[in-house]
C-alpha atoms as a PDB file:
ATOM      1  CA  UNK A   1      61.077  85.078 101.660  1.00  0.00           C
ATOM      2  CA  UNK A   2      57.573  83.575 101.474  1.00  0.00           C
ATOM      3  CA  UNK A   3      55.071  83.941 104.285  1.00  0.00           C
ATOM      4  CA  UNK A   4      55.472  80.464 105.770  1.00  0.00           C
ATOM      5  CA  UNK A   5      59.249  80.786 105.811  1.00  0.00           C
ATOM      6  CA  UNK A   6      58.866  84.088 107.632  1.00  0.00           C
ATOM      7  CA  UNK A   7      56.523  82.499 110.169  1.00  0.00           C
ATOM      8  CA  UNK A   8      58.958  79.646 110.741  1.00  0.00           C
ATOM      9  CA  UNK A   9      61.931  81.991 111.103  1.00  0.00           C
ATOM     10  CA  UNK A  10      60.033  84.136 113.594  1.00  0.00           C
ATOM     11  CA  UNK A  11      59.047  81.040 115.572  1.00  0.00           C
ATOM     12  CA  UNK A  12      62.639  79.834 115.727  1.00  0.00           C
ATOM     13  CA  UNK A  13      63.875  83.243 116.811  1.00  0.00           C
ATOM     14  CA  UNK A  14      61.242  83.738 119.526  1.00  0.00           C
ATOM     15  CA  UNK A  15      60.455  80.142 120.469  1.00  0.00           C
ATOM     16  CA  UNK A  16      56.751  80.641 119.784  1.00  0.00           C
ATOM     17  CA  UNK A  17      54.370  82.738 117.687  1.00  0.00           C
ATOM     18  CA  UNK A  18      50.810  83.931 118.225  1.00  0.00           C
ATOM     19  CA  UNK A  19      48.187  84.028 115.477  1.00  0.00           C
ATOM     20  CA  UNK A  20      46.952  87.568 116.147  1.00  0.00           C
ATOM     21  CA  UNK A  21      50.473  89.018 116.263  1.00  0.00           C
ATOM     22  CA  UNK A  22      51.448  87.299 113.013  1.00  0.00           C
ATOM     23  CA  UNK A  23      48.283  88.428 111.267  1.00  0.00           C
ATOM     24  CA  UNK A  24      49.042  92.052 112.172  1.00  0.00           C
ATOM     25  CA  UNK A  25      52.724  91.817 111.256  1.00  0.00           C
ATOM     26  CA  UNK A  26      52.105  90.060 107.932  1.00  0.00           C
ATOM     27  CA  UNK A  27      48.981  92.054 107.003  1.00  0.00           C
ATOM     28  CA  UNK A  28      46.878  88.939 106.436  1.00  0.00           C
ATOM     29  CA  UNK A  29      43.847  87.446 108.153  1.00  0.00           C
ATOM     30  CA  UNK A  30      44.018  85.247 111.241  1.00  0.00           C
ATOM     31  CA  UNK A  31      42.467  82.481 109.135  1.00  0.00           C
ATOM     32  CA  UNK A  32      45.381  82.669 106.682  1.00  0.00           C
ATOM     33  CA  UNK A  33      47.908  82.501 109.514  1.00  0.00           C
ATOM     34  CA  UNK A  34      46.156  79.483 111.058  1.00  0.00           C
ATOM     35  CA  UNK A  35      46.275  77.719 107.694  1.00  0.00           C
ATOM     36  CA  UNK A  36      49.998  78.424 107.406  1.00  0.00           C
ATOM     37  CA  UNK A  37      50.633  77.253 110.958  1.00  0.00           C
ATOM     38  CA  UNK A  38      48.655  74.061 110.365  1.00  0.00           C
ATOM     39  CA  UNK A  39      50.771  73.345 107.282  1.00  0.00           C
ATOM     40  CA  UNK A  40      54.007  73.904 109.215  1.00  0.00           C
ATOM     41  CA  UNK A  41      52.740  71.680 112.034  1.00  0.00           C
ATOM     42  CA  UNK A  42      51.944  68.949 109.507  1.00  0.00           C
ATOM     43  CA  UNK A  43      55.556  69.183 108.311  1.00  0.00           C
ATOM     44  CA  UNK A  44      56.781  68.674 111.879  1.00  0.00           C
ATOM     45  CA  UNK A  45      58.301  72.156 112.089  1.00  0.00           C
ATOM     46  CA  UNK A  46      55.865  73.709 114.574  1.00  0.00           C
ATOM     47  CA  UNK A  47      53.708  72.417 117.421  1.00  0.00           C
ATOM     48  CA  UNK A  48      50.246  73.871 118.047  1.00  0.00           C
ATOM     49  CA  UNK A  49      49.623  75.935 121.182  1.00  0.00           C
ATOM     50  CA  UNK A  50      46.486  77.737 122.291  1.00  0.00           C
ATOM     51  CA  UNK A  51      46.384  80.811 120.084  1.00  0.00           C
ATOM     52  CA  UNK A  52      49.572  80.020 118.221  1.00  0.00           C
ATOM     53  CA  UNK A  53      52.416  77.557 117.861  1.00  0.00           C
ATOM     54  CA  UNK A  54      55.898  76.833 119.198  1.00  0.00           C
ATOM     55  CA  UNK A  55      59.033  75.964 117.315  1.00  0.00           C
ATOM     56  CA  UNK A  56      60.203  72.350 117.498  1.00  0.00           C
ATOM     57  CA  UNK A  57      63.872  72.711 118.307  1.00  0.00           C
ATOM     58  CA  UNK A  58      66.473  70.810 116.388  1.00  0.00           C
ATOM     59  CA  UNK A  59      70.211  70.731 117.000  1.00  0.00           C
ATOM     60  CA  UNK A  60      71.122  73.761 114.895  1.00  0.00           C
ATOM     61  CA  UNK A  61      70.573  77.487 114.942  1.00  0.00           C
ATOM     62  CA  UNK A  62      69.214  79.674 112.176  1.00  0.00           C
ATOM     63  CA  UNK A  63      71.782  80.484 109.474  1.00  0.00           C
ATOM     64  CA  UNK A  64      73.953  83.443 110.441  1.00  0.00           C
ATOM     65  CA  UNK A  65      72.789  85.529 107.485  1.00  0.00           C
ATOM     66  CA  UNK A  66      69.174  85.085 108.596  1.00  0.00           C
ATOM     67  CA  UNK A  67      69.977  85.980 112.203  1.00  0.00           C
ATOM     68  CA  UNK A  68      71.651  89.233 111.196  1.00  0.00           C
ATOM     69  CA  UNK A  69      68.355  90.447 109.716  1.00  0.00           C
ATOM     70  CA  UNK A  70      66.327  89.710 112.856  1.00  0.00           C
ATOM     71  CA  UNK A  71      65.638  92.391 115.491  1.00  0.00           C
ATOM     72  CA  UNK A  72      68.139  94.783 113.928  1.00  0.00           C
ATOM     73  CA  UNK A  73      66.886  97.911 115.704  1.00  0.00           C
ATOM     74  CA  UNK A  74      66.889  96.114 119.059  1.00  0.00           C
ATOM     75  CA  UNK A  75      70.479  94.961 118.607  1.00  0.00           C
ATOM     76  CA  UNK A  76      71.562  98.458 117.625  1.00  0.00           C
ATOM     77  CA  UNK A  77      69.961  99.946 120.741  1.00  0.00           C
ATOM     78  CA  UNK A  78      71.754  97.383 122.884  1.00  0.00           C
ATOM     79  CA  UNK A  79      75.036  98.031 121.101  1.00  0.00           C
ATOM     80  CA  UNK A  80      74.783 101.800 121.493  1.00  0.00           C
ATOM     81  CA  UNK A  81      74.269 101.461 125.234  1.00  0.00           C
ATOM     82  CA  UNK A  82      77.133  99.013 125.730  1.00  0.00           C
ATOM     83  CA  UNK A  83      79.472 101.112 123.592  1.00  0.00           C
ATOM     84  CA  UNK A  84      78.898 103.995 125.990  1.00  0.00           C
ATOM     85  CA  UNK A  85      80.310 101.889 128.829  1.00  0.00           C
ATOM     86  CA  UNK A  86      83.606 100.989 127.164  1.00  0.00           C
ATOM     87  CA  UNK A  87      86.574 103.375 127.453  1.00  0.00           C
ATOM     88  CA  UNK A  88      89.493 103.762 125.086  1.00  0.00           C
ATOM     89  CA  UNK A  89      92.273 101.285 125.790  1.00  0.00           C
ATOM     90  CA  UNK A  90      90.028  98.559 127.212  1.00  0.00           C
ATOM     91  CA  UNK A  91      90.705  94.844 126.824  1.00  0.00           C
ATOM     92  CA  UNK A  92      87.578  93.066 125.586  1.00  0.00           C
ATOM     93  CA  UNK A  93      86.304  89.540 125.127  1.00  0.00           C
ATOM     94  CA  UNK A  94      83.614  89.015 122.494  1.00  0.00           C
ATOM     95  CA  UNK A  95      81.665  85.766 122.274  1.00  0.00           C
ATOM     96  CA  UNK A  96      80.096  84.346 119.144  1.00  0.00           C
ATOM     97  CA  UNK A  97      76.727  85.583 117.908  1.00  0.00           C
ATOM     98  CA  UNK A  98      75.172  88.469 116.056  1.00  0.00           C
ATOM     99  CA  UNK A  99      74.551  90.796 118.996  1.00  0.00           C
ATOM    100  CA  UNK A 100      78.178  90.786 120.234  1.00  0.00           C
ATOM    101  CA  UNK A 101      79.232  91.488 116.635  1.00  0.00           C
ATOM    102  CA  UNK A 102      76.872  94.476 116.472  1.00  0.00           C
ATOM    103  CA  UNK A 103      78.351  95.754 119.742  1.00  0.00           C
ATOM    104  CA  UNK A 104      81.824  95.398 118.225  1.00  0.00           C
ATOM    105  CA  UNK A 105      80.771  97.485 115.230  1.00  0.00           C
ATOM    106  CA  UNK A 106      79.502 100.193 117.582  1.00  0.00           C
ATOM    107  CA  UNK A 107      82.993 100.399 119.108  1.00  0.00           C
ATOM    108  CA  UNK A 108      84.822 100.970 115.821  1.00  0.00           C
ATOM    109  CA  UNK A 109      85.775 104.540 116.777  1.00  0.00           C
ATOM    110  CA  UNK A 110      87.339 103.547 120.125  1.00  0.00           C
ATOM    111  CA  UNK A 111      91.103 103.873 120.329  1.00  0.00           C
ATOM    112  CA  UNK A 112      93.634 101.357 121.567  1.00  0.00           C
ATOM    113  CA  UNK A 113      91.321  98.414 122.192  1.00  0.00           C
ATOM    114  CA  UNK A 114      92.705  94.931 122.762  1.00  0.00           C
ATOM    115  CA  UNK A 115      90.147  92.438 121.471  1.00  0.00           C
ATOM    116  CA  UNK A 116      90.201  88.696 122.158  1.00  0.00           C
ATOM    117  CA  UNK A 117      87.492  86.839 120.291  1.00  0.00           C
ATOM    118  CA  UNK A 118      86.527  83.645 118.507  1.00  0.00           C
ATOM    119  CA  UNK A 119      83.921  85.645 116.570  1.00  0.00           C
ATOM    120  CA  UNK A 120      85.475  86.619 113.246  1.00  0.00           C
ATOM    121  CA  UNK A 121      82.568  88.974 112.531  1.00  0.00           C
ATOM    122  CA  UNK A 122      83.434  90.948 115.672  1.00  0.00           C
ATOM    123  CA  UNK A 123      87.136  90.876 114.803  1.00  0.00           C
ATOM    124  CA  UNK A 124      86.506  92.251 111.322  1.00  0.00           C
ATOM    125  CA  UNK A 125      84.162  94.934 112.658  1.00  0.00           C
ATOM    126  CA  UNK A 126      87.052  96.257 114.764  1.00  0.00           C
ATOM    127  CA  UNK A 127      89.849  95.585 112.294  1.00  0.00           C
ATOM    128  CA  UNK A 128      90.162  99.266 111.367  1.00  0.00           C
ATOM    129  CA  UNK A 129      89.589 100.713 114.834  1.00  0.00           C
ATOM    130  CA  UNK A 130      92.447 103.103 115.632  1.00  0.00           C
ATOM    131  CA  UNK A 131      95.290 101.336 117.396  1.00  0.00           C
ATOM    132  CA  UNK A 132      93.352  98.108 117.865  1.00  0.00           C
ATOM    133  CA  UNK A 133      95.064  94.841 118.704  1.00  0.00           C
ATOM    134  CA  UNK A 134      92.986  91.788 117.789  1.00  0.00           C
ATOM    135  CA  UNK A 135      93.743  88.257 118.987  1.00  0.00           C
ATOM    136  CA  UNK A 136      91.903  85.229 117.575  1.00  0.00           C
ATOM    137  CA  UNK A 137      92.438  81.510 118.221  1.00  0.00           C
ATOM    138  CA  UNK A 138      93.717  78.944 115.792  1.00  0.00           C
ATOM    139  CA  UNK A 139      91.522  76.133 114.607  1.00  0.00           C
ATOM    140  CA  UNK A 140      88.836  75.516 112.028  1.00  0.00           C
ATOM    141  CA  UNK A 141      86.549  78.348 111.002  1.00  0.00           C
ATOM    142  CA  UNK A 142      82.924  77.273 111.407  1.00  0.00           C
ATOM    143  CA  UNK A 143      80.923  78.379 108.393  1.00  0.00           C
ATOM    144  CA  UNK A 144      78.707  80.170 107.634  1.00  0.00           C
ATOM    145  CA  UNK A 145      78.805  81.628 111.178  1.00  0.00           C
ATOM    146  CA  UNK A 146      82.478  82.638 110.851  1.00  0.00           C
ATOM    147  CA  UNK A 147      83.453  81.642 114.377  1.00  0.00           C
ATOM    148  CA  UNK A 148      85.983  79.258 115.917  1.00  0.00           C
ATOM    149  CA  UNK A 149      85.156  76.629 118.533  1.00  0.00           C
ATOM    150  CA  UNK A 150      87.238  73.934 120.194  1.00  0.00           C
ATOM    151  CA  UNK A 151      89.968  73.686 122.804  1.00  0.00           C
ATOM    152  CA  UNK A 152      92.196  76.365 121.278  1.00  0.00           C
ATOM    153  CA  UNK A 153      89.440  78.955 121.557  1.00  0.00           C
ATOM    154  CA  UNK A 154      88.756  78.040 125.170  1.00  0.00           C
ATOM    155  CA  UNK A 155      92.473  78.143 125.981  1.00  0.00           C
ATOM    156  CA  UNK A 156      92.775  81.589 124.401  1.00  0.00           C
ATOM    157  CA  UNK A 157      90.136  83.103 126.670  1.00  0.00           C
ATOM    158  CA  UNK A 158      91.762  81.346 129.613  1.00  0.00           C
ATOM    159  CA  UNK A 159      95.122  82.970 128.841  1.00  0.00           C
ATOM    160  CA  UNK A 160      93.892  86.586 129.119  1.00  0.00           C
ATOM    161  CA  UNK A 161      92.185  88.766 131.700  1.00  0.00           C
ATOM    162  CA  UNK A 162      89.802  91.223 130.060  1.00  0.00           C
ATOM    163  CA  UNK A 163      88.271  94.388 131.423  1.00  0.00           C
ATOM    164  CA  UNK A 164      84.939  93.436 129.874  1.00  0.00           C
ATOM    165  CA  UNK A 165      83.411  90.246 128.474  1.00  0.00           C
ATOM    166  CA  UNK A 166      80.605  90.968 126.028  1.00  0.00           C
ATOM    167  CA  UNK A 167      78.683  87.779 125.430  1.00  0.00           C
ATOM    168  CA  UNK A 168      75.320  86.423 124.432  1.00  0.00           C
ATOM    169  CA  UNK A 169      73.503  83.104 124.193  1.00  0.00           C
ATOM    170  CA  UNK A 170      71.063  81.389 121.867  1.00  0.00           C
ATOM    171  CA  UNK A 171      68.318  81.474 124.474  1.00  0.00           C
ATOM    172  CA  UNK A 172      67.371  82.104 128.094  1.00  0.00           C
ATOM    173  CA  UNK A 173      65.265  79.525 129.911  1.00  0.00           C
ATOM    174  CA  UNK A 174      62.478  80.572 132.267  1.00  0.00           C
ATOM    175  CA  UNK A 175      64.726  79.992 135.288  1.00  0.00           C
ATOM    176  CA  UNK A 176      67.490  82.197 133.858  1.00  0.00           C
ATOM    177  CA  UNK A 177      69.709  79.387 132.590  1.00  0.00           C
ATOM    178  CA  UNK A 178      71.651  80.303 129.452  1.00  0.00           C
ATOM    179  CA  UNK A 179      71.207  78.043 126.440  1.00  0.00           C
ATOM    180  CA  UNK A 180      73.215  77.409 123.283  1.00  0.00           C
ATOM    181  CA  UNK A 181      73.052  74.876 120.481  1.00  0.00           C
ATOM    182  CA  UNK A 182      76.368  73.111 121.134  1.00  0.00           C
ATOM    183  CA  UNK A 183      78.289  72.304 124.324  1.00  0.00           C
ATOM    184  CA  UNK A 184      81.574  73.869 123.082  1.00  0.00           C
ATOM    185  CA  UNK A 185      79.748  77.184 122.667  1.00  0.00           C
ATOM    186  CA  UNK A 186      78.767  77.010 126.337  1.00  0.00           C
ATOM    187  CA  UNK A 187      82.259  76.111 127.554  1.00  0.00           C
ATOM    188  CA  UNK A 188      83.914  78.957 125.651  1.00  0.00           C
ATOM    189  CA  UNK A 189      81.280  81.491 126.692  1.00  0.00           C
ATOM    190  CA  UNK A 190      81.733  80.552 130.345  1.00  0.00           C
ATOM    191  CA  UNK A 191      85.514  80.769 130.091  1.00  0.00           C
ATOM    192  CA  UNK A 192      85.244  84.301 128.721  1.00  0.00           C
ATOM    193  CA  UNK A 193      82.797  85.358 131.420  1.00  0.00           C
ATOM    194  CA  UNK A 194      84.927  83.913 134.212  1.00  0.00           C
ATOM    195  CA  UNK A 195      88.133  85.623 133.042  1.00  0.00           C
ATOM    196  CA  UNK A 196      86.707  89.130 132.775  1.00  0.00           C
ATOM    197  CA  UNK A 197      86.645  91.804 135.454  1.00  0.00           C
ATOM    198  CA  UNK A 198      83.214  92.898 134.274  1.00  0.00           C
ATOM    199  CA  UNK A 199      80.750  90.730 132.343  1.00  0.00           C
ATOM    200  CA  UNK A 200      78.054  92.192 130.100  1.00  0.00           C
ATOM    201  CA  UNK A 201      75.360  89.864 128.785  1.00  0.00           C
ATOM    202  CA  UNK A 202      73.672  91.173 125.641  1.00  0.00           C
ATOM    203  CA  UNK A 203      70.460  89.744 124.191  1.00  0.00           C
ATOM    204  CA  UNK A 204      67.383  91.158 122.532  1.00  0.00           C
ATOM    205  CA  UNK A 205      64.077  90.243 124.140  1.00  0.00           C
ATOM    206  CA  UNK A 206      63.332  87.453 121.642  1.00  0.00           C
ATOM    207  CA  UNK A 207      65.990  85.331 123.376  1.00  0.00           C
ATOM    208  CA  UNK A 208      63.908  85.120 126.568  1.00  0.00           C
ATOM    209  CA  UNK A 209      62.073  81.799 126.419  1.00  0.00           C
ATOM    210  CA  UNK A 210      63.889  80.642 123.291  1.00  0.00           C
ATOM    211  CA  UNK A 211      65.026  77.035 123.533  1.00  0.00           C
ATOM    212  CA  UNK A 212      68.328  75.379 122.683  1.00  0.00           C
ATOM    213  CA  UNK A 213      69.711  72.035 123.895  1.00  0.00           C
ATOM    214  CA  UNK A 214      73.052  72.921 125.553  1.00  0.00           C
ATOM    215  CA  UNK A 215      72.914  74.595 128.962  1.00  0.00           C
ATOM    216  CA  UNK A 216      75.525  76.370 131.070  1.00  0.00           C
ATOM    217  CA  UNK A 217      75.705  79.565 133.074  1.00  0.00           C
ATOM    218  CA  UNK A 218      72.948  81.780 134.420  1.00  0.00           C
ATOM    219  CA  UNK A 219      71.702  85.277 133.764  1.00  0.00           C
ATOM    220  CA  UNK A 220      72.402  86.157 137.395  1.00  0.00           C
ATOM    221  CA  UNK A 221      76.148  85.606 136.878  1.00  0.00           C
ATOM    222  CA  UNK A 222      76.475  88.671 134.639  1.00  0.00           C
ATOM    223  CA  UNK A 223      77.414  92.044 136.079  1.00  0.00           C
ATOM    224  CA  UNK A 224      75.103  93.744 133.580  1.00  0.00           C
ATOM    225  CA  UNK A 225      72.294  92.396 131.424  1.00  0.00           C
ATOM    226  CA  UNK A 226      71.407  94.639 128.492  1.00  0.00           C
ATOM    227  CA  UNK A 227      68.266  94.119 126.408  1.00  0.00           C
ATOM    228  CA  UNK A 228      65.940  96.469 124.530  1.00  0.00           C
ATOM    229  CA  UNK A 229      62.583  95.846 126.216  1.00  0.00           C
ATOM    230  CA  UNK A 230      61.118  93.915 129.109  1.00  0.00           C
ATOM    231  CA  UNK A 231      60.272  90.417 127.809  1.00  0.00           C
ATOM    232  CA  UNK A 232      57.127  90.139 129.889  1.00  0.00           C
ATOM    233  CA  UNK A 233      55.336  88.245 132.614  1.00  0.00           C
ATOM    234  CA  UNK A 234      57.047  84.817 132.545  1.00  0.00           C
ATOM    235  CA  UNK A 235      60.320  86.504 133.492  1.00  0.00           C
ATOM    236  CA  UNK A 236      59.010  89.134 135.917  1.00  0.00           C
ATOM    237  CA  UNK A 237      60.364  87.544 139.108  1.00  0.00           C
ATOM    238  CA  UNK A 238      63.713  86.725 137.535  1.00  0.00           C
ATOM    239  CA  UNK A 239      64.194  90.227 136.154  1.00  0.00           C
ATOM    240  CA  UNK A 240      63.100  91.866 139.392  1.00  0.00           C
ATOM    241  CA  UNK A 241      65.806  89.894 141.201  1.00  0.00           C
ATOM    242  CA  UNK A 242      68.450  91.446 138.939  1.00  0.00           C
ATOM    243  CA  UNK A 243      67.727  94.933 140.245  1.00  0.00           C
ATOM    244  CA  UNK A 244      69.729  97.711 138.631  1.00  0.00           C
ATOM    245  CA  UNK A 245      71.926  95.194 136.810  1.00  0.00           C
ATOM    246  CA  UNK A 246      69.156  94.896 134.218  1.00  0.00           C
ATOM    247  CA  UNK A 247      69.459  97.636 131.617  1.00  0.00           C
ATOM    248  CA  UNK A 248      66.679  98.373 129.125  1.00  0.00           C
ATOM    249  CA  UNK A 249      68.650 100.084 126.367  1.00  0.00           C
ATOM    250  CA  UNK A 250      67.223 103.429 125.309  1.00  0.00           C
ATOM    251  CA  UNK A 251      64.980 103.707 128.361  1.00  0.00           C
ATOM    252  CA  UNK A 252      65.572 106.965 130.234  1.00  0.00           C
ATOM    253  CA  UNK A 253      68.831 107.523 128.377  1.00  0.00           C
END
């Protein structure tokens, strides 16, 4: 991946990038980063901000293969914490997305799980778990993400009551609203959350402040919110209001 592609991918993942941070991460000068940012702005891919730039959102997410390589250590910390909460024999909902799939992989040694998911990556991660029962909806497989949207997926989550819903979102707005790239993603996510006895929202800190066009649900609706580090000042009041429902994975554990 060339440097400008890496800058663009980082901007899409985080919503914005700062010159000094990029220069340190890429081992180049601030001048070089500014030149790259100016070129990406000229192409209509970024918009200048003081000290950096923000991603200009379109209607689609990063390719799944690219998302799996982002924030890997953070997702693994989140997954390890969530896996410690799930007992053998639990019934689980998994939403679409890379972080729920990483959580699923962390549960591969659990016995007797019942898994309801429209995320084929999560289903495959648990396909050899001892005694697992896996239920997926019919419909068209969305590629390359390997998930299933549409009415059949929503109906499937509505037909079960899970012990735990493990779900994520494309982004979290400053007011705590949950964002995704398509309205069906929102509807299915909300159905899963509503039909679970306990809901666990999983997202690495790059999702805080990341934009996407479809909105539905709120961070405050989750029973637990698991991330890997505090995302910082813009979310301080929101996160304080969550109290002990906010879990920083790996902190004091």
